[in-house]
Amino acid sequence: MKGTVIRTAEQEEYPHPQHDRFFLRDVVTTEINPALSLHRGRIEAGGEIRPHAHEGQTETFYILGGEALCTMNGEQHTFGAGCCVVAPPGVQHSLKNIGDEPVDLLAIFTPPLK
């Protein structure tokens, strides 16, 4: 078995089709790790990840930079760099950039989304 080195700066970034000003890179997919998927995300100023839930996955996201308003189960929380949120299957959640700088984040799905 061999390891894999991934340079996210070399990966293609694409706009998420269901959210506003939210861009993704699929860092780790089931092809590399069958236990999880890892995605690098960027929410531009004024952008948001609209309210949604995942029926089959837990989504864990870790804020790397920027300032975001997270709504989960009807409760709102403001987050910055170093904050982590875990949304179990079926739990509705959203994330809105409330600052002037992009919100950079990592999103981890277990089991994998892709």
Foldseek 3Di string as FASTA:
>chain_A
DDADDFDQVPFDKDADPQWFQKIKGFGDACVHPQFKTKIKMKRAAFIKFDKDFAQPKKKKKAWQAAWKWKAKPNDIDIDGHGDMDIHGGPIIMMIHGPDNGITIMMIMIGSYPD
